[in-house]
Amino acid sequence: MTPAGSLPAVTHTEQSGSPGRLARLGRRLNHAAVILPALLITGAALLYVPFHTGYEQDRWAEELRERGRPAQAYVYDVQTKNRGTTMFFRYELDGVTHEQEVACMEVCLPWRSTTPIWVSRTDPSDFVTDFGQLSGHRGRFQGGVGAVGFVILAFPLVGLVVMGWGRLTDRLRRRPQPRVVSRESRVSMPRSKRKRSSNR
């Protein structure tokens, strides 16, 4: 038993427990300090890919309209599949007929319609339409890479929020609660002291 008014002695297990917790917390912080920046850099790099690709496609479309060979394209088929709708173009250059696909993005021409196109002088399958759409299905892979980058960026942010919420709830649980003294545990005042207090 400890004397009245003195604090209870700290046991060996309690002394050794706090350094262990600090060590584990330090290791977690060290791992987080390495992993989180790497995830942020990787996610930002992947998220930048579709924006850079879109810029390069817009620049190439403008160059084709300025330097490409003009032609008239005929939409001979339109197909809709799981990944989207595709237009099939047919056009002629120097007496040679070419066919190429164009993904329906902002504009989707109906079957048997025509539109002006500008074809690359080095690659007859590369052209831009009158409404600014490049031939082929460009940017799909880069868009998927950007989606992966967004998920990688969101993962550490969500992890930080969850860790912060967990620490807050842990602190609230450890907060000391007010002690409730029952009637049975209360010490009654002796009668002699009661009389003295009443006489005063």
N, C-alpha and C. Protein backbone atom coordinates (compact mmCIF):
# COMPACT_ATOMS: atom_id res chain seq x y z
N MET A 1 0.84 -1.20 0.00
CA MET A 1 0.00 0.00 0.00
C MET A 1 0.88 1.25 0.00
N THR A 2 0.44 2.25 -0.71
CA THR A 2 1.18 3.51 -0.79
C THR A 2 0.65 4.46 0.26
N PRO A 3 1.47 5.30 0.85
CA PRO A 3 1.01 6.26 1.86
C PRO A 3 0.04 7.24 1.24
N ALA A 4 -0.84 7.79 2.14
CA ALA A 4 -1.86 8.73 1.67
C ALA A 4 -1.22 9.97 1.10
N GLY A 5 -1.76 10.43 -0.01
CA GLY A 5 -1.26 11.65 -0.65
C GLY A 5 -0.12 11.45 -1.59
N SER A 6 0.47 10.27 -1.63
CA SER A 6 1.59 10.00 -2.54
C SER A 6 1.08 9.35 -3.81
N LEU A 7 1.78 9.55 -4.91
CA LEU A 7 1.40 9.00 -6.21
C LEU A 7 1.85 7.56 -6.30
N PRO A 8 1.10 6.72 -7.03
CA PRO A 8 1.52 5.33 -7.19
C PRO A 8 2.79 5.23 -8.01
N ALA A 9 3.64 4.30 -7.65
CA ALA A 9 4.90 4.11 -8.35
C ALA A 9 4.66 3.56 -9.74
N VAL A 10 5.47 3.99 -10.70
CA VAL A 10 5.38 3.53 -12.08
C VAL A 10 6.10 2.20 -12.20
N THR A 11 5.41 1.20 -12.70
CA THR A 11 6.00 -0.12 -12.83
C THR A 11 6.97 -0.17 -13.99
N HIS A 12 7.73 -1.25 -14.05
CA HIS A 12 8.72 -1.43 -15.13
C HIS A 12 8.06 -1.61 -16.48
N THR A 13 6.90 -2.27 -16.46
CA THR A 13 6.21 -2.50 -17.73
C THR A 13 5.70 -1.20 -18.31
N GLU A 14 5.23 -0.29 -17.44
CA GLU A 14 4.76 1.00 -17.95
C GLU A 14 5.90 1.84 -18.48
N GLN A 15 7.09 1.76 -17.81
CA GLN A 15 8.24 2.52 -18.28
C GLN A 15 8.73 2.01 -19.62
N SER A 16 8.72 0.70 -19.78
CA SER A 16 9.21 0.14 -21.03
C SER A 16 8.18 0.21 -22.14
N GLY A 17 6.90 0.42 -21.79
CA GLY A 17 5.87 0.45 -22.81
C GLY A 17 5.87 1.74 -23.61
N SER A 18 6.10 2.88 -22.93
CA SER A 18 6.07 4.15 -23.65
C SER A 18 7.19 4.29 -24.67
N PRO A 19 8.44 3.91 -24.37
CA PRO A 19 9.46 3.95 -25.44
C PRO A 19 9.14 3.05 -26.61
N GLY A 20 8.49 1.89 -26.33
CA GLY A 20 8.11 1.01 -27.42
C GLY A 20 7.09 1.65 -28.33
N ARG A 21 6.12 2.33 -27.75
CA ARG A 21 5.13 3.03 -28.57
C ARG A 21 5.77 4.14 -29.39
N LEU A 22 6.67 4.88 -28.76
CA LEU A 22 7.36 5.94 -29.50
C LEU A 22 8.19 5.38 -30.65
N ALA A 23 8.81 4.24 -30.40
CA ALA A 23 9.62 3.64 -31.48
C ALA A 23 8.75 3.19 -32.64
N ARG A 24 7.61 2.56 -32.31
CA ARG A 24 6.71 2.12 -33.39
C ARG A 24 6.15 3.33 -34.14
N LEU A 25 5.79 4.38 -33.40
CA LEU A 25 5.29 5.58 -34.06
C LEU A 25 6.35 6.22 -34.94
N GLY A 26 7.61 6.20 -34.46
CA GLY A 26 8.69 6.76 -35.27
C GLY A 26 8.91 5.98 -36.56
N ARG A 27 8.82 4.64 -36.47
CA ARG A 27 8.97 3.83 -37.68
C ARG A 27 7.85 4.09 -38.67
N ARG A 28 6.62 4.23 -38.16
CA ARG A 28 5.50 4.53 -39.06
C ARG A 28 5.67 5.87 -39.74
N LEU A 29 6.12 6.85 -38.97
CA LEU A 29 6.32 8.18 -39.57
C LEU A 29 7.44 8.15 -40.61
N ASN A 30 8.50 7.39 -40.35
CA ASN A 30 9.58 7.28 -41.32
C ASN A 30 9.10 6.62 -42.61
N HIS A 31 8.31 5.56 -42.47
CA HIS A 31 7.77 4.90 -43.65
C HIS A 31 6.83 5.83 -44.41
N ALA A 32 5.99 6.55 -43.68
CA ALA A 32 5.06 7.48 -44.34
C ALA A 32 5.81 8.61 -45.03
N ALA A 33 6.91 9.07 -44.41
CA ALA A 33 7.69 10.15 -45.02
C ALA A 33 8.32 9.73 -46.33
N VAL A 34 8.55 8.44 -46.52
CA VAL A 34 9.14 7.95 -47.77
C VAL A 34 8.05 7.59 -48.79
N ILE A 35 6.98 6.94 -48.31
CA ILE A 35 5.97 6.43 -49.23
C ILE A 35 5.08 7.54 -49.76
N LEU A 36 4.62 8.44 -48.88
CA LEU A 36 3.67 9.47 -49.31
C LEU A 36 4.24 10.39 -50.40
N PRO A 37 5.47 10.93 -50.26
CA PRO A 37 6.01 11.74 -51.36
C PRO A 37 6.16 10.97 -52.67
N ALA A 38 6.54 9.69 -52.56
CA ALA A 38 6.67 8.89 -53.79
C ALA A 38 5.32 8.71 -54.47
N LEU A 39 4.27 8.46 -53.67
CA LEU A 39 2.93 8.31 -54.26
C LEU A 39 2.46 9.63 -54.88
N LEU A 40 2.72 10.73 -54.20
CA LEU A 40 2.29 12.03 -54.73
C LEU A 40 3.00 12.36 -56.04
N ILE A 41 4.29 12.10 -56.10
CA ILE A 41 5.05 12.39 -57.33
C ILE A 41 4.58 11.48 -58.47
N THR A 42 4.41 10.20 -58.17
CA THR A 42 3.96 9.26 -59.21
C THR A 42 2.56 9.60 -59.71
N GLY A 43 1.65 9.88 -58.78
CA GLY A 43 0.28 10.23 -59.19
C GLY A 43 0.23 11.50 -59.99
N ALA A 44 1.01 12.51 -59.60
CA ALA A 44 1.03 13.77 -60.35
C ALA A 44 1.59 13.57 -61.76
N ALA A 45 2.63 12.74 -61.87
CA ALA A 45 3.22 12.49 -63.19
C ALA A 45 2.23 11.76 -64.10
N LEU A 46 1.54 10.75 -63.56
CA LEU A 46 0.56 10.03 -64.38
C LEU A 46 -0.64 10.91 -64.73
N LEU A 47 -1.05 11.75 -63.80
CA LEU A 47 -2.19 12.63 -64.07
C LEU A 47 -1.84 13.69 -65.12
N TYR A 48 -0.56 14.03 -65.26
CA TYR A 48 -0.13 15.02 -66.24
C TYR A 48 -0.15 14.47 -67.66
N VAL A 49 -0.06 13.14 -67.81
CA VAL A 49 0.05 12.53 -69.13
C VAL A 49 -1.13 12.89 -70.05
N PRO A 50 -2.40 12.71 -69.64
CA PRO A 50 -3.50 13.04 -70.57
C PRO A 50 -3.58 14.52 -70.91
N PHE A 51 -3.21 15.40 -69.98
CA PHE A 51 -3.23 16.83 -70.28
C PHE A 51 -2.16 17.18 -71.32
N HIS A 52 -0.99 16.58 -71.17
CA HIS A 52 0.07 16.81 -72.15
C HIS A 52 -0.31 16.23 -73.51
N THR A 53 -0.92 15.05 -73.50
CA THR A 53 -1.36 14.44 -74.76
C THR A 53 -2.42 15.29 -75.45
N GLY A 54 -3.36 15.79 -74.68
CA GLY A 54 -4.39 16.66 -75.27
C GLY A 54 -3.80 17.92 -75.89
N TYR A 55 -2.81 18.49 -75.22
CA TYR A 55 -2.15 19.68 -75.78
C TYR A 55 -1.43 19.35 -77.09
N GLU A 56 -0.73 18.22 -77.12
CA GLU A 56 -0.02 17.83 -78.34
C GLU A 56 -0.99 17.52 -79.48
N GLN A 57 -2.12 16.92 -79.18
CA GLN A 57 -3.11 16.64 -80.22
C GLN A 57 -3.71 17.93 -80.78
N ASP A 58 -4.00 18.89 -79.93
CA ASP A 58 -4.52 20.17 -80.43
C ASP A 58 -3.49 20.88 -81.30
N ARG A 59 -2.25 20.83 -80.90
CA ARG A 59 -1.20 21.47 -81.70
C ARG A 59 -1.04 20.78 -83.07
N TRP A 60 -1.12 19.44 -83.07
CA TRP A 60 -0.99 18.70 -84.33
C TRP A 60 -2.20 18.93 -85.23
N ALA A 61 -3.38 19.06 -84.64
CA ALA A 61 -4.58 19.33 -85.44
C ALA A 61 -4.47 20.70 -86.12
N GLU A 62 -3.96 21.69 -85.43
CA GLU A 62 -3.78 23.01 -86.06
C GLU A 62 -2.75 22.95 -87.18
N GLU A 63 -1.68 22.17 -86.98
CA GLU A 63 -0.66 22.05 -88.02
C GLU A 63 -1.20 21.33 -89.26
N LEU A 64 -2.04 20.32 -89.05
CA LEU A 64 -2.63 19.63 -90.19
C LEU A 64 -3.56 20.56 -90.98
N ARG A 65 -4.32 21.38 -90.32
CA ARG A 65 -5.22 22.30 -91.02
C ARG A 65 -4.44 23.35 -91.81
N GLU A 66 -3.23 23.66 -91.35
CA GLU A 66 -2.42 24.66 -92.05
C GLU A 66 -1.61 24.05 -93.20
N ARG A 67 -1.07 22.84 -93.01
CA ARG A 67 -0.15 22.27 -93.98
C ARG A 67 -0.64 20.98 -94.61
N GLY A 68 -1.74 20.43 -94.13
CA GLY A 68 -2.22 19.16 -94.67
C GLY A 68 -2.87 19.31 -96.04
N ARG A 69 -3.09 18.18 -96.69
CA ARG A 69 -3.74 18.14 -98.00
C ARG A 69 -5.25 18.07 -97.82
N PRO A 70 -6.00 18.97 -98.41
CA PRO A 70 -7.46 18.94 -98.26
C PRO A 70 -8.08 17.79 -99.05
N ALA A 71 -9.12 17.22 -98.49
CA ALA A 71 -9.85 16.13 -99.14
C ALA A 71 -11.28 16.12 -98.61
N GLN A 72 -12.11 15.32 -99.27
CA GLN A 72 -13.50 15.17 -98.87
C GLN A 72 -13.71 13.74 -98.39
N ALA A 73 -14.17 13.59 -97.13
CA ALA A 73 -14.36 12.26 -96.55
C ALA A 73 -15.84 11.91 -96.53
N TYR A 74 -16.09 10.63 -96.75
CA TYR A 74 -17.46 10.11 -96.79
C TYR A 74 -17.64 9.10 -95.66
N VAL A 75 -18.67 9.29 -94.85
CA VAL A 75 -18.95 8.38 -93.74
C VAL A 75 -19.75 7.20 -94.28
N TYR A 76 -19.07 6.06 -94.45
CA TYR A 76 -19.76 4.91 -95.02
C TYR A 76 -20.31 3.94 -93.97
N ASP A 77 -19.96 4.17 -92.68
CA ASP A 77 -20.51 3.30 -91.64
C ASP A 77 -20.32 3.98 -90.29
N VAL A 78 -21.25 3.68 -89.38
CA VAL A 78 -21.19 4.15 -87.99
C VAL A 78 -21.55 2.97 -87.10
N GLN A 79 -20.66 2.65 -86.16
CA GLN A 79 -20.86 1.50 -85.28
C GLN A 79 -20.74 1.94 -83.82
N THR A 80 -21.59 1.33 -82.99
CA THR A 80 -21.58 1.60 -81.56
C THR A 80 -21.27 0.32 -80.82
N LYS A 81 -20.22 0.34 -80.01
CA LYS A 81 -19.81 -0.81 -79.22
C LYS A 81 -19.71 -0.39 -77.76
N ASN A 82 -19.14 -1.29 -76.96
CA ASN A 82 -19.07 -1.01 -75.52
C ASN A 82 -18.22 0.21 -75.21
N ARG A 83 -17.16 0.40 -75.96
CA ARG A 83 -16.25 1.51 -75.69
C ARG A 83 -16.72 2.83 -76.27
N GLY A 84 -17.75 2.83 -77.10
CA GLY A 84 -18.25 4.07 -77.67
C GLY A 84 -18.63 3.90 -79.13
N THR A 85 -18.90 5.02 -79.78
CA THR A 85 -19.33 5.04 -81.17
C THR A 85 -18.17 5.44 -82.07
N THR A 86 -18.06 4.77 -83.22
CA THR A 86 -16.96 5.02 -84.16
C THR A 86 -17.52 5.29 -85.54
N MET A 87 -16.99 6.32 -86.19
CA MET A 87 -17.32 6.62 -87.58
C MET A 87 -16.23 6.04 -88.48
N PHE A 88 -16.63 5.51 -89.64
CA PHE A 88 -15.70 4.95 -90.61
C PHE A 88 -15.71 5.84 -91.85
N PHE A 89 -14.53 6.45 -92.11
CA PHE A 89 -14.40 7.41 -93.20
C PHE A 89 -13.76 6.74 -94.43
N ARG A 90 -14.16 7.21 -95.59
CA ARG A 90 -13.55 6.80 -96.85
C ARG A 90 -13.24 8.07 -97.65
N TYR A 91 -12.00 8.18 -98.14
CA TYR A 91 -11.58 9.38 -98.87
C TYR A 91 -10.55 8.97 -99.91
N GLU A 92 -10.31 9.86 -100.86
CA GLU A 92 -9.44 9.55 -101.99
C GLU A 92 -8.35 10.59 -102.10
N LEU A 93 -7.11 10.10 -102.30
CA LEU A 93 -5.94 10.95 -102.51
C LEU A 93 -5.11 10.39 -103.66
N ASP A 94 -4.88 11.22 -104.69
CA ASP A 94 -4.09 10.82 -105.86
C ASP A 94 -4.60 9.53 -106.48
N GLY A 95 -5.90 9.40 -106.57
CA GLY A 95 -6.51 8.24 -107.18
C GLY A 95 -6.53 6.99 -106.31
N VAL A 96 -6.08 7.09 -105.07
CA VAL A 96 -6.06 5.95 -104.16
C VAL A 96 -7.09 6.18 -103.06
N THR A 97 -7.93 5.16 -102.82
CA THR A 97 -8.97 5.27 -101.80
C THR A 97 -8.42 4.77 -100.46
N HIS A 98 -8.67 5.56 -99.42
CA HIS A 98 -8.20 5.22 -98.07
C HIS A 98 -9.42 5.14 -97.14
N GLU A 99 -9.27 4.34 -96.12
CA GLU A 99 -10.31 4.19 -95.10
C GLU A 99 -9.67 4.33 -93.72
N GLN A 100 -10.38 5.02 -92.85
CA GLN A 100 -9.85 5.25 -91.51
C GLN A 100 -11.00 5.45 -90.54
N GLU A 101 -10.76 5.14 -89.27
CA GLU A 101 -11.76 5.31 -88.22
C GLU A 101 -11.58 6.66 -87.53
N VAL A 102 -12.71 7.18 -87.04
CA VAL A 102 -12.70 8.41 -86.25
C VAL A 102 -13.64 8.20 -85.06
N ALA A 103 -13.14 8.37 -83.87
CA ALA A 103 -13.97 8.18 -82.67
C ALA A 103 -14.95 9.34 -82.53
N CYS A 104 -16.17 9.01 -82.16
CA CYS A 104 -17.18 10.03 -81.89
C CYS A 104 -16.93 10.62 -80.50
N MET A 105 -16.50 11.85 -80.48
CA MET A 105 -16.25 12.53 -79.20
C MET A 105 -17.32 13.62 -79.00
N GLU A 106 -17.04 14.83 -79.45
CA GLU A 106 -18.01 15.91 -79.34
C GLU A 106 -19.00 15.90 -80.50
N VAL A 107 -18.56 15.38 -81.66
CA VAL A 107 -19.40 15.36 -82.87
C VAL A 107 -19.43 13.94 -83.40
N CYS A 108 -20.60 13.50 -83.81
CA CYS A 108 -20.76 12.18 -84.43
C CYS A 108 -21.63 12.36 -85.68
N LEU A 109 -20.99 12.26 -86.85
CA LEU A 109 -21.71 12.48 -88.09
C LEU A 109 -22.61 11.28 -88.42
N PRO A 110 -23.73 11.52 -89.09
CA PRO A 110 -24.61 10.41 -89.46
C PRO A 110 -24.06 9.64 -90.66
N TRP A 111 -24.62 8.49 -90.88
CA TRP A 111 -24.24 7.64 -92.01
C TRP A 111 -24.52 8.35 -93.32
N ARG A 112 -23.62 8.19 -94.29
CA ARG A 112 -23.69 8.75 -95.64
C ARG A 112 -23.50 10.27 -95.68
N SER A 113 -22.96 10.84 -94.64
CA SER A 113 -22.66 12.27 -94.65
C SER A 113 -21.21 12.48 -95.08
N THR A 114 -20.86 13.69 -95.45
CA THR A 114 -19.50 14.04 -95.88
C THR A 114 -18.98 15.20 -95.04
N THR A 115 -17.66 15.30 -94.99
CA THR A 115 -17.03 16.38 -94.24
C THR A 115 -15.65 16.66 -94.81
N PRO A 116 -15.18 17.90 -94.81
CA PRO A 116 -13.82 18.19 -95.26
C PRO A 116 -12.80 17.69 -94.25
N ILE A 117 -11.67 17.21 -94.75
CA ILE A 117 -10.57 16.76 -93.90
C ILE A 117 -9.26 17.29 -94.46
N TRP A 118 -8.23 17.32 -93.61
CA TRP A 118 -6.89 17.71 -94.01
C TRP A 118 -5.95 16.57 -93.64
N VAL A 119 -5.30 16.00 -94.65
CA VAL A 119 -4.51 14.78 -94.49
C VAL A 119 -3.03 15.12 -94.42
N SER A 120 -2.31 14.36 -93.58
CA SER A 120 -0.87 14.56 -93.46
C SER A 120 -0.19 14.20 -94.78
N ARG A 121 0.85 14.96 -95.16
CA ARG A 121 1.55 14.72 -96.42
C ARG A 121 2.49 13.52 -96.34
N THR A 122 2.80 13.07 -95.14
CA THR A 122 3.68 11.92 -94.98
C THR A 122 2.94 10.64 -94.60
N ASP A 123 1.73 10.77 -94.06
CA ASP A 123 0.96 9.61 -93.63
C ASP A 123 -0.49 9.80 -94.06
N PRO A 124 -0.97 9.10 -95.11
CA PRO A 124 -2.34 9.30 -95.60
C PRO A 124 -3.42 8.84 -94.62
N SER A 125 -3.07 8.10 -93.59
CA SER A 125 -4.07 7.68 -92.60
C SER A 125 -4.23 8.67 -91.46
N ASP A 126 -3.41 9.71 -91.47
CA ASP A 126 -3.43 10.71 -90.40
C ASP A 126 -4.08 11.98 -90.94
N PHE A 127 -5.21 12.36 -90.36
CA PHE A 127 -5.90 13.58 -90.81
C PHE A 127 -6.69 14.17 -89.66
N VAL A 128 -7.17 15.38 -89.89
CA VAL A 128 -8.04 16.07 -88.96
C VAL A 128 -9.31 16.47 -89.69
N THR A 129 -10.45 16.35 -89.02
CA THR A 129 -11.73 16.67 -89.64
C THR A 129 -12.03 18.16 -89.55
N ASP A 130 -13.11 18.56 -90.20
CA ASP A 130 -13.52 19.96 -90.18
C ASP A 130 -13.94 20.39 -88.78
N PHE A 131 -14.39 19.44 -87.94
CA PHE A 131 -14.80 19.78 -86.57
C PHE A 131 -13.71 19.52 -85.54
N GLY A 132 -12.45 19.34 -86.01
CA GLY A 132 -11.31 19.30 -85.12
C GLY A 132 -10.97 17.95 -84.53
N GLN A 133 -11.56 16.85 -85.04
CA GLN A 133 -11.29 15.52 -84.50
C GLN A 133 -10.22 14.83 -85.33
N LEU A 134 -9.19 14.30 -84.65
CA LEU A 134 -8.14 13.57 -85.34
C LEU A 134 -8.58 12.15 -85.64
N SER A 135 -7.96 11.57 -86.65
CA SER A 135 -8.30 10.20 -87.03
C SER A 135 -7.79 9.22 -85.97
N GLY A 136 -8.43 8.05 -85.95
CA GLY A 136 -8.03 7.02 -84.98
C GLY A 136 -8.65 7.26 -83.61
N HIS A 137 -8.27 6.41 -82.68
CA HIS A 137 -8.74 6.50 -81.30
C HIS A 137 -7.57 6.94 -80.42
N ARG A 138 -7.26 8.21 -80.51
CA ARG A 138 -6.10 8.72 -79.80
C ARG A 138 -6.50 9.20 -78.41
N GLY A 139 -5.59 9.01 -77.48
CA GLY A 139 -5.78 9.51 -76.13
C GLY A 139 -6.49 8.57 -75.17
N ARG A 140 -6.95 7.41 -75.65
CA ARG A 140 -7.66 6.50 -74.73
C ARG A 140 -6.70 5.92 -73.69
N PHE A 141 -5.54 5.47 -74.15
CA PHE A 141 -4.57 4.90 -73.21
C PHE A 141 -4.09 5.97 -72.22
N GLN A 142 -3.83 7.17 -72.73
CA GLN A 142 -3.37 8.24 -71.85
C GLN A 142 -4.45 8.63 -70.84
N GLY A 143 -5.71 8.55 -71.28
CA GLY A 143 -6.79 8.83 -70.34
C GLY A 143 -6.85 7.82 -69.21
N GLY A 144 -6.61 6.54 -69.54
CA GLY A 144 -6.56 5.52 -68.50
C GLY A 144 -5.40 5.74 -67.55
N VAL A 145 -4.26 6.16 -68.10
CA VAL A 145 -3.10 6.45 -67.25
C VAL A 145 -3.42 7.61 -66.31
N GLY A 146 -4.11 8.63 -66.81
CA GLY A 146 -4.49 9.74 -65.96
C GLY A 146 -5.44 9.34 -64.86
N ALA A 147 -6.36 8.41 -65.15
CA ALA A 147 -7.28 7.92 -64.11
C ALA A 147 -6.51 7.19 -63.01
N VAL A 148 -5.51 6.40 -63.41
CA VAL A 148 -4.68 5.72 -62.41
C VAL A 148 -3.93 6.73 -61.56
N GLY A 149 -3.42 7.78 -62.18
CA GLY A 149 -2.73 8.82 -61.43
C GLY A 149 -3.64 9.53 -60.44
N PHE A 150 -4.90 9.74 -60.83
CA PHE A 150 -5.85 10.37 -59.91
C PHE A 150 -6.10 9.50 -58.69
N VAL A 151 -6.22 8.19 -58.91
CA VAL A 151 -6.43 7.27 -57.79
C VAL A 151 -5.21 7.26 -56.87
N ILE A 152 -4.01 7.27 -57.46
CA ILE A 152 -2.79 7.26 -56.65
C ILE A 152 -2.69 8.55 -55.84
N LEU A 153 -3.09 9.68 -56.41
CA LEU A 153 -3.07 10.93 -55.66
C LEU A 153 -4.11 10.93 -54.54
N ALA A 154 -5.27 10.36 -54.81
CA ALA A 154 -6.33 10.37 -53.80
C ALA A 154 -6.02 9.43 -52.65
N PHE A 155 -5.26 8.36 -52.90
CA PHE A 155 -5.00 7.37 -51.85
C PHE A 155 -4.27 7.97 -50.65
N PRO A 156 -3.14 8.69 -50.83
CA PRO A 156 -2.49 9.25 -49.63
C PRO A 156 -3.32 10.32 -48.95
N LEU A 157 -4.10 11.08 -49.72
CA LEU A 157 -4.94 12.10 -49.10
C LEU A 157 -6.01 11.47 -48.21
N VAL A 158 -6.65 10.43 -48.73
CA VAL A 158 -7.65 9.71 -47.92
C VAL A 158 -6.99 9.06 -46.72
N GLY A 159 -5.78 8.52 -46.90
CA GLY A 159 -5.08 7.92 -45.78
C GLY A 159 -4.77 8.92 -44.68
N LEU A 160 -4.35 10.14 -45.08
CA LEU A 160 -4.09 11.17 -44.07
C LEU A 160 -5.35 11.54 -43.31
N VAL A 161 -6.47 11.64 -44.01
CA VAL A 161 -7.73 11.97 -43.34
C VAL A 161 -8.13 10.87 -42.37
N VAL A 162 -7.98 9.61 -42.79
CA VAL A 162 -8.34 8.50 -41.91
C VAL A 162 -7.43 8.45 -40.69
N MET A 163 -6.12 8.67 -40.89
CA MET A 163 -5.19 8.67 -39.76
C MET A 163 -5.51 9.79 -38.79
N GLY A 164 -5.80 10.98 -39.32
CA GLY A 164 -6.15 12.09 -38.44
C GLY A 164 -7.42 11.84 -37.66
N TRP A 165 -8.41 11.25 -38.30
CA TRP A 165 -9.65 10.94 -37.61
C TRP A 165 -9.44 9.87 -36.54
N GLY A 166 -8.59 8.88 -36.85
CA GLY A 166 -8.30 7.84 -35.86
C GLY A 166 -7.59 8.39 -34.64
N ARG A 167 -6.64 9.31 -34.84
CA ARG A 167 -5.95 9.92 -33.70
C ARG A 167 -6.90 10.77 -32.87
N LEU A 168 -7.81 11.48 -33.53
CA LEU A 168 -8.76 12.30 -32.79
C LEU A 168 -9.68 11.45 -31.93
N THR A 169 -10.21 10.39 -32.49
CA THR A 169 -11.08 9.51 -31.71
C THR A 169 -10.31 8.82 -30.59
N ASP A 170 -9.03 8.50 -30.84
CA ASP A 170 -8.22 7.86 -29.79
C ASP A 170 -7.99 8.82 -28.63
N ARG A 171 -7.76 10.09 -28.93
CA ARG A 171 -7.58 11.06 -27.85
C ARG A 171 -8.87 11.26 -27.07
N LEU A 172 -9.99 11.26 -27.77
CA LEU A 172 -11.25 11.42 -27.06
C LEU A 172 -11.53 10.23 -26.15
N ARG A 173 -11.14 9.05 -26.58
CA ARG A 173 -11.35 7.87 -25.74
C ARG A 173 -10.45 7.89 -24.50
N ARG A 174 -9.23 8.42 -24.64
CA ARG A 174 -8.30 8.44 -23.53
C ARG A 174 -8.55 9.60 -22.56
N ARG A 175 -9.42 10.51 -22.89
CA ARG A 175 -9.68 11.64 -22.01
C ARG A 175 -10.25 11.14 -20.69
N PRO A 176 -9.70 11.59 -19.53
CA PRO A 176 -10.19 11.08 -18.24
C PRO A 176 -11.63 11.49 -17.99
N GLN A 177 -12.40 10.53 -17.51
CA GLN A 177 -13.81 10.76 -17.21
C GLN A 177 -13.96 11.18 -15.75
N PRO A 178 -14.96 12.02 -15.44
CA PRO A 178 -15.18 12.42 -14.05
C PRO A 178 -15.56 11.23 -13.19
N ARG A 179 -14.97 11.20 -12.01
CA ARG A 179 -15.18 10.07 -11.10
C ARG A 179 -16.50 10.24 -10.35
N VAL A 180 -17.32 9.23 -10.35
CA VAL A 180 -18.60 9.25 -9.67
C VAL A 180 -18.46 8.43 -8.38
N VAL A 181 -18.75 9.07 -7.26
CA VAL A 181 -18.65 8.42 -5.96
C VAL A 181 -20.03 7.95 -5.54
N SER A 182 -20.16 6.69 -5.24
CA SER A 182 -21.44 6.14 -4.82
C SER A 182 -21.72 6.47 -3.36
N ARG A 183 -22.95 6.32 -2.96
CA ARG A 183 -23.32 6.58 -1.58
C ARG A 183 -22.65 5.63 -0.60
N GLU A 184 -22.47 4.38 -1.02
CA GLU A 184 -21.87 3.40 -0.14
C GLU A 184 -20.42 3.73 0.16
N SER A 185 -19.72 4.34 -0.80
CA SER A 185 -18.30 4.64 -0.60
C SER A 185 -18.05 5.95 0.13
N ARG A 186 -19.09 6.76 0.32
CA ARG A 186 -18.90 8.02 1.02
C ARG A 186 -18.64 7.78 2.51
N VAL A 187 -17.72 8.54 3.10
CA VAL A 187 -17.39 8.43 4.52
C VAL A 187 -18.24 9.44 5.28
N SER A 188 -19.03 8.94 6.21
CA SER A 188 -19.90 9.84 6.97
C SER A 188 -19.11 10.56 8.05
N MET A 189 -19.51 11.77 8.37
CA MET A 189 -18.85 12.58 9.37
C MET A 189 -19.26 12.09 10.76
N PRO A 190 -18.31 11.97 11.70
CA PRO A 190 -18.68 11.56 13.08
C PRO A 190 -19.67 12.53 13.71
N ARG A 191 -20.46 12.01 14.66
CA ARG A 191 -21.48 12.84 15.29
C ARG A 191 -20.88 13.99 16.08
N SER A 192 -19.74 13.76 16.73
CA SER A 192 -19.11 14.83 17.50
C SER A 192 -18.76 16.01 16.63
N LYS A 193 -18.23 15.74 15.42
CA LYS A 193 -17.88 16.81 14.50
C LYS A 193 -19.11 17.49 13.94
N ARG A 194 -20.21 16.72 13.78
CA ARG A 194 -21.44 17.34 13.33
C ARG A 194 -21.95 18.36 14.33
N LYS A 195 -21.90 18.00 15.67
CA LYS A 195 -22.37 18.92 16.69
C LYS A 195 -21.54 20.19 16.72
N ARG A 196 -20.20 20.03 16.59
CA ARG A 196 -19.33 21.19 16.60
C ARG A 196 -19.62 22.12 15.44
N SER A 197 -19.83 21.53 14.25
CA SER A 197 -20.13 22.36 13.09
C SER A 197 -21.47 23.05 13.21
N SER A 198 -22.47 22.39 13.87
CA SER A 198 -23.78 23.00 14.04
C SER A 198 -23.72 24.11 15.08
N ASN A 199 -22.90 23.97 16.13
CA ASN A 199 -22.79 25.01 17.15
C ASN A 199 -22.14 26.25 16.57
N ARG A 200 -21.23 26.06 15.65
CA ARG A 200 -20.59 27.23 15.03
C ARG A 200 -21.60 28.02 14.18
